[in-house]
Amino acid sequence: MSVSQIVKSWKDPAYRRSLSQGQLQKIPGHPAATNELDKEVMDGNPQAFTAMGSAICSPCPPRHCF
């Protein structure tokens, strides 16, 4: 399968439905869907759960939270 066919299979549901089982098995996972953060990483990162746009944060640059 060419790179353009792989990308098309990620983006176009109709094209993906037209592929055979063998072709579907050859398609690698979408790179955006394979990135997951471990709980250990999230627990060690205080910025991971910053609530931008909350009542105490300014959503516009410069972003200040009080």
PDB file of N, CA and C in Angstrom:
ATOM      1  N   MET A   1       0.836  -1.165   0.000  1.00  0.00           N
ATOM      2  CA  MET A   1       0.000   0.000   0.000  1.00  0.00           C
ATOM      3  C   MET A   1       0.888   1.239   0.000  1.00  0.00           C
ATOM      4  N   SER A   2       0.542   2.222  -0.826  1.00  0.00           N
ATOM      5  CA  SER A   2       1.338   3.446  -0.885  1.00  0.00           C
ATOM      6  C   SER A   2       1.002   4.356   0.296  1.00  0.00           C
ATOM      7  N   VAL A   3       1.865   5.322   0.525  1.00  0.00           N
ATOM      8  CA  VAL A   3       1.645   6.269   1.615  1.00  0.00           C
ATOM      9  C   VAL A   3       0.346   7.032   1.395  1.00  0.00           C
ATOM     10  N   SER A   4       0.080   7.440   0.162  1.00  0.00           N
ATOM     11  CA  SER A   4      -1.151   8.197  -0.112  1.00  0.00           C
ATOM     12  C   SER A   4      -2.396   7.348   0.147  1.00  0.00           C
ATOM     13  N   GLN A   5      -2.329   6.054  -0.132  1.00  0.00           N
ATOM     14  CA  GLN A   5      -3.465   5.173   0.149  1.00  0.00           C
ATOM     15  C   GLN A   5      -3.666   4.996   1.657  1.00  0.00           C
ATOM     16  N   ILE A   6      -2.576   4.916   2.394  1.00  0.00           N
ATOM     17  CA  ILE A   6      -2.669   4.790   3.853  1.00  0.00           C
ATOM     18  C   ILE A   6      -3.307   6.037   4.448  1.00  0.00           C
ATOM     19  N   VAL A   7      -2.836   7.203   4.025  1.00  0.00           N
ATOM     20  CA  VAL A   7      -3.394   8.460   4.531  1.00  0.00           C
ATOM     21  C   VAL A   7      -4.863   8.575   4.151  1.00  0.00           C
ATOM     22  N   LYS A   8      -5.200   8.198   2.925  1.00  0.00           N
ATOM     23  CA  LYS A   8      -6.601   8.251   2.491  1.00  0.00           C
ATOM     24  C   LYS A   8      -7.460   7.318   3.341  1.00  0.00           C
ATOM     25  N   SER A   9      -6.917   6.163   3.696  1.00  0.00           N
ATOM     26  CA  SER A   9      -7.690   5.229   4.527  1.00  0.00           C
ATOM     27  C   SER A   9      -7.920   5.791   5.926  1.00  0.00           C
ATOM     28  N   TRP A  10      -7.006   6.612   6.425  1.00  0.00           N
ATOM     29  CA  TRP A  10      -7.193   7.255   7.727  1.00  0.00           C
ATOM     30  C   TRP A  10      -8.261   8.338   7.655  1.00  0.00           C
ATOM     31  N   LYS A  11      -8.290   9.085   6.540  1.00  0.00           N
ATOM     32  CA  LYS A  11      -9.146  10.269   6.437  1.00  0.00           C
ATOM     33  C   LYS A  11     -10.516  10.014   5.828  1.00  0.00           C
ATOM     34  N   ASP A  12     -10.641   9.009   4.973  1.00  0.00           N
ATOM     35  CA  ASP A  12     -11.872   8.809   4.200  1.00  0.00           C
ATOM     36  C   ASP A  12     -12.572   7.516   4.626  1.00  0.00           C
ATOM     37  N   PRO A  13     -13.637   7.630   5.418  1.00  0.00           N
ATOM     38  CA  PRO A  13     -14.336   6.427   5.885  1.00  0.00           C
ATOM     39  C   PRO A  13     -14.901   5.579   4.743  1.00  0.00           C
ATOM     40  N   ALA A  14     -15.378   6.212   3.673  1.00  0.00           N
ATOM     41  CA  ALA A  14     -15.924   5.457   2.536  1.00  0.00           C
ATOM     42  C   ALA A  14     -14.822   4.636   1.866  1.00  0.00           C
ATOM     43  N   TYR A  15     -13.652   5.233   1.709  1.00  0.00           N
ATOM     44  CA  TYR A  15     -12.529   4.505   1.120  1.00  0.00           C
ATOM     45  C   TYR A  15     -12.114   3.346   2.027  1.00  0.00           C
ATOM     46  N   ARG A  16     -12.076   3.597   3.321  1.00  0.00           N
ATOM     47  CA  ARG A  16     -11.690   2.552   4.278  1.00  0.00           C
ATOM     48  C   ARG A  16     -12.663   1.375   4.213  1.00  0.00           C
ATOM     49  N   ARG A  17     -13.971   1.661   4.083  1.00  0.00           N
ATOM     50  CA  ARG A  17     -14.968   0.584   3.990  1.00  0.00           C
ATOM     51  C   ARG A  17     -14.814  -0.232   2.706  1.00  0.00           C
ATOM     52  N   SER A  18     -14.227   0.368   1.665  1.00  0.00           N
ATOM     53  CA  SER A  18     -14.078  -0.338   0.392  1.00  0.00           C
ATOM     54  C   SER A  18     -12.885  -1.292   0.375  1.00  0.00           C
ATOM     55  N   LEU A  19     -12.041  -1.232   1.388  1.00  0.00           N
ATOM     56  CA  LEU A  19     -10.844  -2.073   1.425  1.00  0.00           C
ATOM     57  C   LEU A  19     -11.166  -3.484   1.903  1.00  0.00           C
ATOM     58  N   SER A  20     -10.377  -4.436   1.424  1.00  0.00           N
ATOM     59  CA  SER A  20     -10.539  -5.828   1.854  1.00  0.00           C
ATOM     60  C   SER A  20      -9.943  -6.006   3.249  1.00  0.00           C
ATOM     61  N   GLN A  21     -10.246  -7.125   3.886  1.00  0.00           N
ATOM     62  CA  GLN A  21      -9.688  -7.425   5.207  1.00  0.00           C
ATOM     63  C   GLN A  21      -8.164  -7.445   5.165  1.00  0.00           C
ATOM     64  N   GLY A  22      -7.609  -8.014   4.109  1.00  0.00           N
ATOM     65  CA  GLY A  22      -6.154  -8.069   3.966  1.00  0.00           C
ATOM     66  C   GLY A  22      -5.534  -6.683   3.881  1.00  0.00           C
ATOM     67  N   GLN A  23      -6.190  -5.797   3.134  1.00  0.00           N
ATOM     68  CA  GLN A  23      -5.687  -4.429   3.019  1.00  0.00           C
ATOM     69  C   GLN A  23      -5.808  -3.688   4.349  1.00  0.00           C
ATOM     70  N   LEU A  24      -6.911  -3.888   5.046  1.00  0.00           N
ATOM     71  CA  LEU A  24      -7.109  -3.223   6.334  1.00  0.00           C
ATOM     72  C   LEU A  24      -6.047  -3.637   7.345  1.00  0.00           C
ATOM     73  N   GLN A  25      -5.632  -4.890   7.298  1.00  0.00           N
ATOM     74  CA  GLN A  25      -4.621  -5.380   8.234  1.00  0.00           C
ATOM     75  C   GLN A  25      -3.247  -4.782   7.963  1.00  0.00           C
ATOM     76  N   LYS A  26      -3.014  -4.312   6.738  1.00  0.00           N
ATOM     77  CA  LYS A  26      -1.725  -3.727   6.380  1.00  0.00           C
ATOM     78  C   LYS A  26      -1.618  -2.251   6.754  1.00  0.00           C
ATOM     79  N   ILE A  27      -2.741  -1.631   7.108  1.00  0.00           N
ATOM     80  CA  ILE A  27      -2.734  -0.205   7.430  1.00  0.00           C
ATOM     81  C   ILE A  27      -2.237  -0.016   8.863  1.00  0.00           C
ATOM     82  N   PRO A  28      -1.175   0.771   9.037  1.00  0.00           N
ATOM     83  CA  PRO A  28      -0.704   1.031  10.401  1.00  0.00           C
ATOM     84  C   PRO A  28      -1.679   1.943  11.136  1.00  0.00           C
ATOM     85  N   GLY A  29      -1.588   1.957  12.447  1.00  0.00           N
ATOM     86  CA  GLY A  29      -2.436   2.839  13.235  1.00  0.00           C
ATOM     87  C   GLY A  29      -2.127   4.298  12.947  1.00  0.00           C
ATOM     88  N   HIS A  30      -3.143   5.136  13.059  1.00  0.00           N
ATOM     89  CA  HIS A  30      -2.961   6.573  12.850  1.00  0.00           C
ATOM     90  C   HIS A  30      -2.038   7.108  13.941  1.00  0.00           C
ATOM     91  N   PRO A  31      -1.014   7.886  13.581  1.00  0.00           N
ATOM     92  CA  PRO A  31      -0.046   8.343  14.579  1.00  0.00           C
ATOM     93  C   PRO A  31      -0.667   9.175  15.705  1.00  0.00           C
ATOM     94  N   ALA A  32      -1.691   9.940  15.416  1.00  0.00           N
ATOM     95  CA  ALA A  32      -2.314  10.756  16.466  1.00  0.00           C
ATOM     96  C   ALA A  32      -3.067   9.891  17.466  1.00  0.00           C
ATOM     97  N   ALA A  33      -3.519   8.748  17.049  1.00  0.00           N
ATOM     98  CA  ALA A  33      -4.288   7.877  17.937  1.00  0.00           C
ATOM     99  C   ALA A  33      -3.395   6.983  18.789  1.00  0.00           C
ATOM    100  N   THR A  34      -2.124   6.912  18.460  1.00  0.00           N
ATOM    101  CA  THR A  34      -1.240   6.012  19.198  1.00  0.00           C
ATOM    102  C   THR A  34      -0.492   6.703  20.330  1.00  0.00           C
ATOM    103  N   ASN A  35      -0.632   8.019  20.446  1.00  0.00           N
ATOM    104  CA  ASN A  35       0.069   8.748  21.499  1.00  0.00           C
ATOM    105  C   ASN A  35      -0.804   8.827  22.739  1.00  0.00           C
ATOM    106  N   GLU A  36      -0.370   8.164  23.778  1.00  0.00           N
ATOM    107  CA  GLU A  36      -1.078   8.204  25.051  1.00  0.00           C
ATOM    108  C   GLU A  36      -0.091   8.564  26.143  1.00  0.00           C
ATOM    109  N   LEU A  37      -0.577   9.297  27.122  1.00  0.00           N
ATOM    110  CA  LEU A  37       0.268   9.659  28.250  1.00  0.00           C
ATOM    111  C   LEU A  37       0.016   8.702  29.401  1.00  0.00           C
ATOM    112  N   ASP A  38       1.093   8.257  29.999  1.00  0.00           N
ATOM    113  CA  ASP A  38       0.979   7.387  31.162  1.00  0.00           C
ATOM    114  C   ASP A  38       0.522   8.189  32.373  1.00  0.00           C
ATOM    115  N   LYS A  39      -0.123   7.519  33.299  1.00  0.00           N
ATOM    116  CA  LYS A  39      -0.566   8.168  34.533  1.00  0.00           C
ATOM    117  C   LYS A  39       0.627   8.731  35.296  1.00  0.00           C
ATOM    118  N   GLU A  40       1.758   8.043  35.262  1.00  0.00           N
ATOM    119  CA  GLU A  40       2.948   8.519  35.954  1.00  0.00           C
ATOM    120  C   GLU A  40       3.413   9.855  35.381  1.00  0.00           C
ATOM    121  N   VAL A  41       3.333  10.000  34.070  1.00  0.00           N
ATOM    122  CA  VAL A  41       3.731  11.250  33.427  1.00  0.00           C
ATOM    123  C   VAL A  41       2.776  12.365  33.830  1.00  0.00           C
ATOM    124  N   MET A  42       1.482  12.083  33.803  1.00  0.00           N
ATOM    125  CA  MET A  42       0.490  13.090  34.148  1.00  0.00           C
ATOM    126  C   MET A  42       0.594  13.500  35.614  1.00  0.00           C
ATOM    127  N   ASP A  43       0.853  12.555  36.501  1.00  0.00           N
ATOM    128  CA  ASP A  43       0.976  12.870  37.925  1.00  0.00           C
ATOM    129  C   ASP A  43       2.205  13.728  38.209  1.00  0.00           C
ATOM    130  N   GLY A  44       3.250  13.565  37.428  1.00  0.00           N
ATOM    131  CA  GLY A  44       4.478  14.314  37.647  1.00  0.00           C
ATOM    132  C   GLY A  44       4.510  15.655  36.949  1.00  0.00           C
ATOM    133  N   ASN A  45       3.435  16.037  36.261  1.00  0.00           N
ATOM    134  CA  ASN A  45       3.410  17.274  35.498  1.00  0.00           C
ATOM    135  C   ASN A  45       2.315  18.190  36.032  1.00  0.00           C
ATOM    136  N   PRO A  46       2.670  19.212  36.818  1.00  0.00           N
ATOM    137  CA  PRO A  46       1.640  20.084  37.386  1.00  0.00           C
ATOM    138  C   PRO A  46       0.898  20.902  36.336  1.00  0.00           C
ATOM    139  N   GLN A  47       1.481  21.086  35.154  1.00  0.00           N
ATOM    140  CA  GLN A  47       0.822  21.849  34.095  1.00  0.00           C
ATOM    141  C   GLN A  47      -0.187  21.016  33.319  1.00  0.00           C
ATOM    142  N   ALA A  48      -0.219  19.724  33.533  1.00  0.00           N
ATOM    143  CA  ALA A  48      -1.062  18.836  32.732  1.00  0.00           C
ATOM    144  C   ALA A  48      -2.540  19.132  32.883  1.00  0.00           C
ATOM    145  N   PHE A  49      -2.949  19.622  34.032  1.00  0.00           N
ATOM    146  CA  PHE A  49      -4.372  19.852  34.263  1.00  0.00           C
ATOM    147  C   PHE A  49      -4.695  21.322  34.490  1.00  0.00           C
ATOM    148  N   THR A  50      -3.919  22.226  33.897  1.00  0.00           N
ATOM    149  CA  THR A  50      -4.206  23.648  34.008  1.00  0.00           C
ATOM    150  C   THR A  50      -5.512  23.949  33.287  1.00  0.00           C
ATOM    151  N   ALA A  51      -6.408  24.625  33.950  1.00  0.00           N
ATOM    152  CA  ALA A  51      -7.722  24.929  33.368  1.00  0.00           C
ATOM    153  C   ALA A  51      -7.701  26.321  32.757  1.00  0.00           C
ATOM    154  N   MET A  52      -7.318  26.400  31.501  1.00  0.00           N
ATOM    155  CA  MET A  52      -7.317  27.684  30.819  1.00  0.00           C
ATOM    156  C   MET A  52      -8.758  28.116  30.578  1.00  0.00           C
ATOM    157  N   GLY A  53      -9.019  29.372  30.784  1.00  0.00           N
ATOM    158  CA  GLY A  53     -10.356  29.883  30.540  1.00  0.00           C
ATOM    159  C   GLY A  53     -11.296  29.701  31.720  1.00  0.00           C
ATOM    160  N   SER A  54     -10.771  29.272  32.848  1.00  0.00           N
ATOM    161  CA  SER A  54     -11.630  29.128  34.020  1.00  0.00           C
ATOM    162  C   SER A  54     -11.869  30.505  34.632  1.00  0.00           C
ATOM    163  N   ALA A  55     -12.649  30.549  35.670  1.00  0.00           N
ATOM    164  CA  ALA A  55     -13.001  31.820  36.305  1.00  0.00           C
ATOM    165  C   ALA A  55     -11.784  32.539  36.869  1.00  0.00           C
ATOM    166  N   ILE A  56     -10.723  31.824  37.145  1.00  0.00           N
ATOM    167  CA  ILE A  56      -9.558  32.465  37.742  1.00  0.00           C
ATOM    168  C   ILE A  56      -8.379  32.567  36.786  1.00  0.00           C
ATOM    169  N   CYS A  57      -8.584  32.230  35.502  1.00  0.00           N
ATOM    170  CA  CYS A  57      -7.508  32.312  34.519  1.00  0.00           C
ATOM    171  C   CYS A  57      -7.922  33.217  33.371  1.00  0.00           C
ATOM    172  N   SER A  58      -6.982  33.970  32.875  1.00  0.00           N
ATOM    173  CA  SER A  58      -7.214  34.810  31.708  1.00  0.00           C
ATOM    174  C   SER A  58      -6.931  33.978  30.464  1.00  0.00           C
ATOM    175  N   PRO A  59      -7.911  33.798  29.568  1.00  0.00           N
ATOM    176  CA  PRO A  59      -7.687  32.977  28.379  1.00  0.00           C
ATOM    177  C   PRO A  59      -6.861  33.682  27.312  1.00  0.00           C
ATOM    178  N   CYS A  60      -6.693  34.988  27.434  1.00  0.00           N
ATOM    179  CA  CYS A  60      -5.967  35.743  26.413  1.00  0.00           C
ATOM    180  C   CYS A  60      -4.519  35.944  26.836  1.00  0.00           C
ATOM    181  N   PRO A  61      -3.601  35.944  25.864  1.00  0.00           N
ATOM    182  CA  PRO A  61      -2.200  36.200  26.202  1.00  0.00           C
ATOM    183  C   PRO A  61      -2.045  37.608  26.761  1.00  0.00           C
ATOM    184  N   PRO A  62      -1.194  37.877  27.683  1.00  0.00           N
ATOM    185  CA  PRO A  62      -0.454  36.878  28.442  1.00  0.00           C
ATOM    186  C   PRO A  62      -1.379  36.168  29.416  1.00  0.00           C
ATOM    187  N   ARG A  63      -1.243  34.883  29.483  1.00  0.00           N
ATOM    188  CA  ARG A  63      -2.141  34.076  30.312  1.00  0.00           C
ATOM    189  C   ARG A  63      -1.705  34.158  31.774  1.00  0.00           C
ATOM    190  N   HIS A  64      -2.579  34.687  32.590  1.00  0.00           N
ATOM    191  CA  HIS A  64      -2.304  34.792  34.023  1.00  0.00           C
ATOM    192  C   HIS A  64      -3.378  34.050  34.782  1.00  0.00           C
ATOM    193  N   CYS A  65      -2.972  33.263  35.728  1.00  0.00           N
ATOM    194  CA  CYS A  65      -3.921  32.590  36.606  1.00  0.00           C
ATOM    195  C   CYS A  65      -3.674  33.075  38.025  1.00  0.00           C
ATOM    196  N   PHE A  66      -4.741  33.350  38.726  1.00  0.00           N
ATOM    197  CA  PHE A  66      -4.645  33.857  40.094  1.00  0.00           C
ATOM    198  C   PHE A  66      -5.256  32.894  41.051  1.00  0.00           C
TER     199      PHE A  66
END
